[in-house]
Amino acid sequence: MWCQYQFFDLNSLSLYVLLGAIATAGALVVGLSAFHVGDCRLSQKMMRNRVGFQAATVALMAGASYLQGKT
C-alpha cells in the first residue's frame, strides 16, 4: 500500500522531473530516427536538445532531493 500512496503524492518538482525525463527520451528517439533516415542537421539539433533536457532534469532532481531532505 505504501507504493500506491507514494505514486499519487507527487509534488510539483517531481512532476517536472518526470516531464524532463519524457522530454529527454523524446529528443533521443527523434534524434536517432533522424540519424537513421539521414537528416544529419535534425539529428544534431535533437541531440543538443537532449543534452539540455538532461541537464535540466538532473538539476530538478537535485533540487527535489534537497527540498525533500529539508522537510
PDB file of N, CA and C in Angstrom:
ATOM      1  N   MET A   1       0.808  -1.202   0.000  1.00  0.00           N
ATOM      2  CA  MET A   1       0.000   0.000   0.000  1.00  0.00           C
ATOM      3  C   MET A   1       0.853   1.269   0.000  1.00  0.00           C
ATOM      4  N   TRP A   2       2.073   1.205   0.533  1.00  0.00           N
ATOM      5  CA  TRP A   2       2.919   2.392   0.599  1.00  0.00           C
ATOM      6  C   TRP A   2       3.222   2.912  -0.793  1.00  0.00           C
ATOM      7  N   CYS A   3       3.530   1.994  -1.732  1.00  0.00           N
ATOM      8  CA  CYS A   3       3.844   2.416  -3.094  1.00  0.00           C
ATOM      9  C   CYS A   3       2.666   3.128  -3.741  1.00  0.00           C
ATOM     10  N   GLN A   4       1.500   2.634  -3.499  1.00  0.00           N
ATOM     11  CA  GLN A   4       0.312   3.225  -4.103  1.00  0.00           C
ATOM     12  C   GLN A   4       0.136   4.671  -3.656  1.00  0.00           C
ATOM     13  N   TYR A   5       0.333   4.942  -2.376  1.00  0.00           N
ATOM     14  CA  TYR A   5       0.179   6.309  -1.883  1.00  0.00           C
ATOM     15  C   TYR A   5       1.325   7.196  -2.357  1.00  0.00           C
ATOM     16  N   GLN A   6       2.539   6.660  -2.424  1.00  0.00           N
ATOM     17  CA  GLN A   6       3.680   7.439  -2.885  1.00  0.00           C
ATOM     18  C   GLN A   6       3.499   7.864  -4.341  1.00  0.00           C
ATOM     19  N   PHE A   7       2.919   7.002  -5.156  1.00  0.00           N
ATOM     20  CA  PHE A   7       2.768   7.315  -6.576  1.00  0.00           C
ATOM     21  C   PHE A   7       1.869   8.523  -6.783  1.00  0.00           C
ATOM     22  N   PHE A   8       0.825   8.618  -6.002  1.00  0.00           N
ATOM     23  CA  PHE A   8      -0.109   9.719  -6.177  1.00  0.00           C
ATOM     24  C   PHE A   8       0.282  10.948  -5.381  1.00  0.00           C
ATOM     25  N   ASP A   9       1.334  10.874  -4.599  1.00  0.00           N
ATOM     26  CA  ASP A   9       1.774  12.006  -3.795  1.00  0.00           C
ATOM     27  C   ASP A   9       2.959  12.685  -4.476  1.00  0.00           C
ATOM     28  N   LEU A  10       2.750  13.134  -5.706  1.00  0.00           N
ATOM     29  CA  LEU A  10       3.813  13.801  -6.450  1.00  0.00           C
ATOM     30  C   LEU A  10       3.777  15.291  -6.145  1.00  0.00           C
ATOM     31  N   ASN A  11       4.909  15.825  -5.741  1.00  0.00           N
ATOM     32  CA  ASN A  11       4.963  17.275  -5.601  1.00  0.00           C
ATOM     33  C   ASN A  11       5.296  17.873  -6.961  1.00  0.00           C
ATOM     34  N   SER A  12       5.277  19.175  -7.055  1.00  0.00           N
ATOM     35  CA  SER A  12       5.429  19.812  -8.359  1.00  0.00           C
ATOM     36  C   SER A  12       6.816  19.571  -8.962  1.00  0.00           C
ATOM     37  N   LEU A  13       7.861  19.529  -8.141  1.00  0.00           N
ATOM     38  CA  LEU A  13       9.197  19.282  -8.688  1.00  0.00           C
ATOM     39  C   LEU A  13       9.331  17.870  -9.234  1.00  0.00           C
ATOM     40  N   SER A  14       8.713  16.904  -8.570  1.00  0.00           N
ATOM     41  CA  SER A  14       8.764  15.533  -9.069  1.00  0.00           C
ATOM     42  C   SER A  14       8.052  15.416 -10.403  1.00  0.00           C
ATOM     43  N   LEU A  15       6.991  16.172 -10.574  1.00  0.00           N
ATOM     44  CA  LEU A  15       6.279  16.171 -11.840  1.00  0.00           C
ATOM     45  C   LEU A  15       7.163  16.760 -12.940  1.00  0.00           C
ATOM     46  N   TYR A  16       7.906  17.818 -12.625  1.00  0.00           N
ATOM     47  CA  TYR A  16       8.821  18.405 -13.604  1.00  0.00           C
ATOM     48  C   TYR A  16       9.962  17.447 -13.944  1.00  0.00           C
ATOM     49  N   VAL A  17      10.410  16.684 -12.979  1.00  0.00           N
ATOM     50  CA  VAL A  17      11.455  15.683 -13.243  1.00  0.00           C
ATOM     51  C   VAL A  17      10.916  14.630 -14.198  1.00  0.00           C
ATOM     52  N   LEU A  18       9.694  14.191 -13.976  1.00  0.00           N
ATOM     53  CA  LEU A  18       9.077  13.211 -14.871  1.00  0.00           C
ATOM     54  C   LEU A  18       8.928  13.784 -16.284  1.00  0.00           C
ATOM     55  N   LEU A  19       8.476  15.012 -16.395  1.00  0.00           N
ATOM     56  CA  LEU A  19       8.344  15.643 -17.710  1.00  0.00           C
ATOM     57  C   LEU A  19       9.702  15.832 -18.385  1.00  0.00           C
ATOM     58  N   GLY A  20      10.726  16.150 -17.600  1.00  0.00           N
ATOM     59  CA  GLY A  20      12.074  16.273 -18.149  1.00  0.00           C
ATOM     60  C   GLY A  20      12.598  14.959 -18.682  1.00  0.00           C
ATOM     61  N   ALA A  21      12.303  13.883 -17.961  1.00  0.00           N
ATOM     62  CA  ALA A  21      12.742  12.561 -18.427  1.00  0.00           C
ATOM     63  C   ALA A  21      12.021  12.168 -19.715  1.00  0.00           C
ATOM     64  N   ILE A  22      10.744  12.494 -19.803  1.00  0.00           N
ATOM     65  CA  ILE A  22       9.983  12.191 -21.020  1.00  0.00           C
ATOM     66  C   ILE A  22      10.502  13.034 -22.183  1.00  0.00           C
ATOM     67  N   ALA A  23      10.808  14.311 -21.931  1.00  0.00           N
ATOM     68  CA  ALA A  23      11.344  15.180 -22.981  1.00  0.00           C
ATOM     69  C   ALA A  23      12.707  14.685 -23.444  1.00  0.00           C
ATOM     70  N   THR A  24      13.533  14.226 -22.505  1.00  0.00           N
ATOM     71  CA  THR A  24      14.850  13.686 -22.858  1.00  0.00           C
ATOM     72  C   THR A  24      14.707  12.455 -23.743  1.00  0.00           C
ATOM     73  N   ALA A  25      13.828  11.555 -23.355  1.00  0.00           N
ATOM     74  CA  ALA A  25      13.613  10.345 -24.145  1.00  0.00           C
ATOM     75  C   ALA A  25      13.045  10.677 -25.520  1.00  0.00           C
ATOM     76  N   GLY A  26      12.139  11.631 -25.566  1.00  0.00           N
ATOM     77  CA  GLY A  26      11.565  12.024 -26.854  1.00  0.00           C
ATOM     78  C   GLY A  26      12.606  12.612 -27.789  1.00  0.00           C
ATOM     79  N   ALA A  27      13.457  13.483 -27.259  1.00  0.00           N
ATOM     80  CA  ALA A  27      14.519  14.068 -28.084  1.00  0.00           C
ATOM     81  C   ALA A  27      15.485  12.994 -28.570  1.00  0.00           C
ATOM     82  N   LEU A  28      15.760  12.018 -27.719  1.00  0.00           N
ATOM     83  CA  LEU A  28      16.649  10.919 -28.110  1.00  0.00           C
ATOM     84  C   LEU A  28      16.045  10.102 -29.241  1.00  0.00           C
ATOM     85  N   VAL A  29      14.768   9.761 -29.113  1.00  0.00           N
ATOM     86  CA  VAL A  29      14.113   8.942 -30.145  1.00  0.00           C
ATOM     87  C   VAL A  29      14.043   9.696 -31.467  1.00  0.00           C
ATOM     88  N   VAL A  30      13.660  10.967 -31.426  1.00  0.00           N
ATOM     89  CA  VAL A  30      13.579  11.752 -32.661  1.00  0.00           C
ATOM     90  C   VAL A  30      14.969  11.922 -33.278  1.00  0.00           C
ATOM     91  N   GLY A  31      15.972  12.172 -32.445  1.00  0.00           N
ATOM     92  CA  GLY A  31      17.329  12.329 -32.952  1.00  0.00           C
ATOM     93  C   GLY A  31      17.873  11.070 -33.591  1.00  0.00           C
ATOM     94  N   LEU A  32      17.624   9.937 -32.950  1.00  0.00           N
ATOM     95  CA  LEU A  32      18.109   8.677 -33.522  1.00  0.00           C
ATOM     96  C   LEU A  32      17.367   8.307 -34.794  1.00  0.00           C
ATOM     97  N   SER A  33      16.066   8.577 -34.835  1.00  0.00           N
ATOM     98  CA  SER A  33      15.322   8.268 -36.060  1.00  0.00           C
ATOM     99  C   SER A  33      15.752   9.204 -37.197  1.00  0.00           C
ATOM    100  N   ALA A  34      16.045  10.461 -36.889  1.00  0.00           N
ATOM    101  CA  ALA A  34      16.541  11.378 -37.917  1.00  0.00           C
ATOM    102  C   ALA A  34      17.912  10.932 -38.413  1.00  0.00           C
ATOM    103  N   PHE A  35      18.741  10.433 -37.524  1.00  0.00           N
ATOM    104  CA  PHE A  35      20.053   9.920 -37.914  1.00  0.00           C
ATOM    105  C   PHE A  35      19.899   8.707 -38.827  1.00  0.00           C
ATOM    106  N   HIS A  36      18.947   7.856 -38.487  1.00  0.00           N
ATOM    107  CA  HIS A  36      18.703   6.652 -39.285  1.00  0.00           C
ATOM    108  C   HIS A  36      18.244   7.011 -40.700  1.00  0.00           C
ATOM    109  N   VAL A  37      17.408   8.030 -40.815  1.00  0.00           N
ATOM    110  CA  VAL A  37      16.905   8.464 -42.115  1.00  0.00           C
ATOM    111  C   VAL A  37      17.983   9.191 -42.912  1.00  0.00           C
ATOM    112  N   GLY A  38      18.886   9.855 -42.201  1.00  0.00           N
ATOM    113  CA  GLY A  38      19.973  10.558 -42.879  1.00  0.00           C
ATOM    114  C   GLY A  38      19.888  12.071 -42.762  1.00  0.00           C
ATOM    115  N   ASP A  39      18.996  12.561 -41.922  1.00  0.00           N
ATOM    116  CA  ASP A  39      18.854  14.004 -41.714  1.00  0.00           C
ATOM    117  C   ASP A  39      19.815  14.413 -40.598  1.00  0.00           C
ATOM    118  N   CYS A  40      21.054  14.696 -40.987  1.00  0.00           N
ATOM    119  CA  CYS A  40      22.099  14.986 -40.001  1.00  0.00           C
ATOM    120  C   CYS A  40      21.836  16.267 -39.228  1.00  0.00           C
ATOM    121  N   ARG A  41      21.266  17.238 -39.896  1.00  0.00           N
ATOM    122  CA  ARG A  41      21.016  18.523 -39.249  1.00  0.00           C
ATOM    123  C   ARG A  41      20.001  18.384 -38.110  1.00  0.00           C
ATOM    124  N   LEU A  42      18.884  17.705 -38.381  1.00  0.00           N
ATOM    125  CA  LEU A  42      17.871  17.490 -37.346  1.00  0.00           C
ATOM    126  C   LEU A  42      18.406  16.588 -36.235  1.00  0.00           C
ATOM    127  N   SER A  43      19.168  15.583 -36.608  1.00  0.00           N
ATOM    128  CA  SER A  43      19.745  14.676 -35.624  1.00  0.00           C
ATOM    129  C   SER A  43      20.650  15.429 -34.650  1.00  0.00           C
ATOM    130  N   GLN A  44      21.510  16.283 -35.187  1.00  0.00           N
ATOM    131  CA  GLN A  44      22.420  17.056 -34.344  1.00  0.00           C
ATOM    132  C   GLN A  44      21.655  18.015 -33.435  1.00  0.00           C
ATOM    133  N   LYS A  45      20.629  18.640 -33.980  1.00  0.00           N
ATOM    134  CA  LYS A  45      19.806  19.575 -33.201  1.00  0.00           C
ATOM    135  C   LYS A  45      19.110  18.856 -32.052  1.00  0.00           C
ATOM    136  N   MET A  46      18.562  17.675 -32.322  1.00  0.00           N
ATOM    137  CA  MET A  46      17.854  16.935 -31.278  1.00  0.00           C
ATOM    138  C   MET A  46      18.818  16.398 -30.217  1.00  0.00           C
ATOM    139  N   MET A  47      20.014  16.025 -30.615  1.00  0.00           N
ATOM    140  CA  MET A  47      20.986  15.558 -29.629  1.00  0.00           C
ATOM    141  C   MET A  47      21.433  16.699 -28.715  1.00  0.00           C
ATOM    142  N   ARG A  48      21.536  17.900 -29.262  1.00  0.00           N
ATOM    143  CA  ARG A  48      21.854  19.057 -28.421  1.00  0.00           C
ATOM    144  C   ARG A  48      20.701  19.360 -27.473  1.00  0.00           C
ATOM    145  N   ASN A  49      19.485  19.252 -27.978  1.00  0.00           N
ATOM    146  CA  ASN A  49      18.319  19.448 -27.113  1.00  0.00           C
ATOM    147  C   ASN A  49      18.280  18.402 -26.001  1.00  0.00           C
ATOM    148  N   ARG A  50      18.648  17.174 -26.348  1.00  0.00           N
ATOM    149  CA  ARG A  50      18.653  16.096 -25.353  1.00  0.00           C
ATOM    150  C   ARG A  50      19.600  16.411 -24.207  1.00  0.00           C
ATOM    151  N   VAL A  51      20.774  16.934 -24.542  1.00  0.00           N
ATOM    152  CA  VAL A  51      21.741  17.284 -23.501  1.00  0.00           C
ATOM    153  C   VAL A  51      21.172  18.378 -22.597  1.00  0.00           C
ATOM    154  N   GLY A  52      20.500  19.350 -23.184  1.00  0.00           N
ATOM    155  CA  GLY A  52      19.871  20.403 -22.387  1.00  0.00           C
ATOM    156  C   GLY A  52      18.775  19.863 -21.496  1.00  0.00           C
ATOM    157  N   PHE A  53      17.941  18.981 -22.042  1.00  0.00           N
ATOM    158  CA  PHE A  53      16.880  18.370 -21.229  1.00  0.00           C
ATOM    159  C   PHE A  53      17.468  17.538 -20.097  1.00  0.00           C
ATOM    160  N   GLN A  54      18.550  16.828 -20.378  1.00  0.00           N
ATOM    161  CA  GLN A  54      19.192  16.028 -19.336  1.00  0.00           C
ATOM    162  C   GLN A  54      19.741  16.911 -18.229  1.00  0.00           C
ATOM    163  N   ALA A  55      20.378  17.994 -18.589  1.00  0.00           N
ATOM    164  CA  ALA A  55      20.931  18.902 -17.585  1.00  0.00           C
ATOM    165  C   ALA A  55      19.824  19.492 -16.719  1.00  0.00           C
ATOM    166  N   ALA A  56      18.733  19.890 -17.344  1.00  0.00           N
ATOM    167  CA  ALA A  56      17.612  20.450 -16.591  1.00  0.00           C
ATOM    168  C   ALA A  56      16.988  19.398 -15.676  1.00  0.00           C
ATOM    169  N   THR A  57      16.879  18.170 -16.157  1.00  0.00           N
ATOM    170  CA  THR A  57      16.298  17.102 -15.343  1.00  0.00           C
ATOM    171  C   THR A  57      17.179  16.785 -14.142  1.00  0.00           C
ATOM    172  N   VAL A  58      18.482  16.727 -14.349  1.00  0.00           N
ATOM    173  CA  VAL A  58      19.393  16.462 -13.226  1.00  0.00           C
ATOM    174  C   VAL A  58      19.334  17.592 -12.209  1.00  0.00           C
ATOM    175  N   ALA A  59      19.256  18.835 -12.677  1.00  0.00           N
ATOM    176  CA  ALA A  59      19.137  19.971 -11.759  1.00  0.00           C
ATOM    177  C   ALA A  59      17.829  19.901 -10.971  1.00  0.00           C
ATOM    178  N   LEU A  60      16.751  19.528 -11.629  1.00  0.00           N
ATOM    179  CA  LEU A  60      15.474  19.384 -10.927  1.00  0.00           C
ATOM    180  C   LEU A  60      15.503  18.233  -9.926  1.00  0.00           C
ATOM    181  N   MET A  61      16.183  17.148 -10.290  1.00  0.00           N
ATOM    182  CA  MET A  61      16.298  16.021  -9.362  1.00  0.00           C
ATOM    183  C   MET A  61      17.084  16.429  -8.120  1.00  0.00           C
ATOM    184  N   ALA A  62      18.158  17.176  -8.323  1.00  0.00           N
ATOM    185  CA  ALA A  62      18.954  17.637  -7.188  1.00  0.00           C
ATOM    186  C   ALA A  62      18.135  18.594  -6.319  1.00  0.00           C
ATOM    187  N   GLY A  63      17.392  19.484  -6.949  1.00  0.00           N
ATOM    188  CA  GLY A  63      16.553  20.408  -6.191  1.00  0.00           C
ATOM    189  C   GLY A  63      15.448  19.702  -5.432  1.00  0.00           C
ATOM    190  N   ALA A  64      14.834  18.711  -6.062  1.00  0.00           N
ATOM    191  CA  ALA A  64      13.767  17.963  -5.396  1.00  0.00           C
ATOM    192  C   ALA A  64      14.303  17.180  -4.204  1.00  0.00           C
ATOM    193  N   SER A  65      15.462  16.560  -4.351  1.00  0.00           N
ATOM    194  CA  SER A  65      16.011  15.784  -3.237  1.00  0.00           C
ATOM    195  C   SER A  65      16.449  16.715  -2.108  1.00  0.00           C
ATOM    196  N   TYR A  66      16.952  17.884  -2.457  1.00  0.00           N
ATOM    197  CA  TYR A  66      17.324  18.864  -1.443  1.00  0.00           C
ATOM    198  C   TYR A  66      16.092  19.325  -0.659  1.00  0.00           C
ATOM    199  N   LEU A  67      15.027  19.625  -1.371  1.00  0.00           N
ATOM    200  CA  LEU A  67      13.810  20.106  -0.700  1.00  0.00           C
ATOM    201  C   LEU A  67      13.141  18.987   0.104  1.00  0.00           C
ATOM    202  N   GLN A  68      13.222  17.747  -0.347  1.00  0.00           N
ATOM    203  CA  GLN A  68      12.663  16.645   0.422  1.00  0.00           C
ATOM    204  C   GLN A  68      13.453  16.404   1.697  1.00  0.00           C
ATOM    205  N   GLY A  69      14.754  16.643   1.634  1.00  0.00           N
ATOM    206  CA  GLY A  69      15.584  16.482   2.825  1.00  0.00           C
ATOM    207  C   GLY A  69      15.323  17.562   3.855  1.00  0.00           C
ATOM    208  N   LYS A  70      14.878  18.724   3.392  1.00  0.00           N
ATOM    209  CA  LYS A  70      14.597  19.849   4.301  1.00  0.00           C
ATOM    210  C   LYS A  70      13.328  19.631   5.125  1.00  0.00           C
ATOM    211  N   THR A  71      12.353  18.926   4.557  1.00  0.00           N
ATOM    212  CA  THR A  71      11.074  18.748   5.249  1.00  0.00           C
ATOM    213  C   THR A  71      11.073  17.586   6.190  1.00  0.00           C
TER     214      THR A  71
END
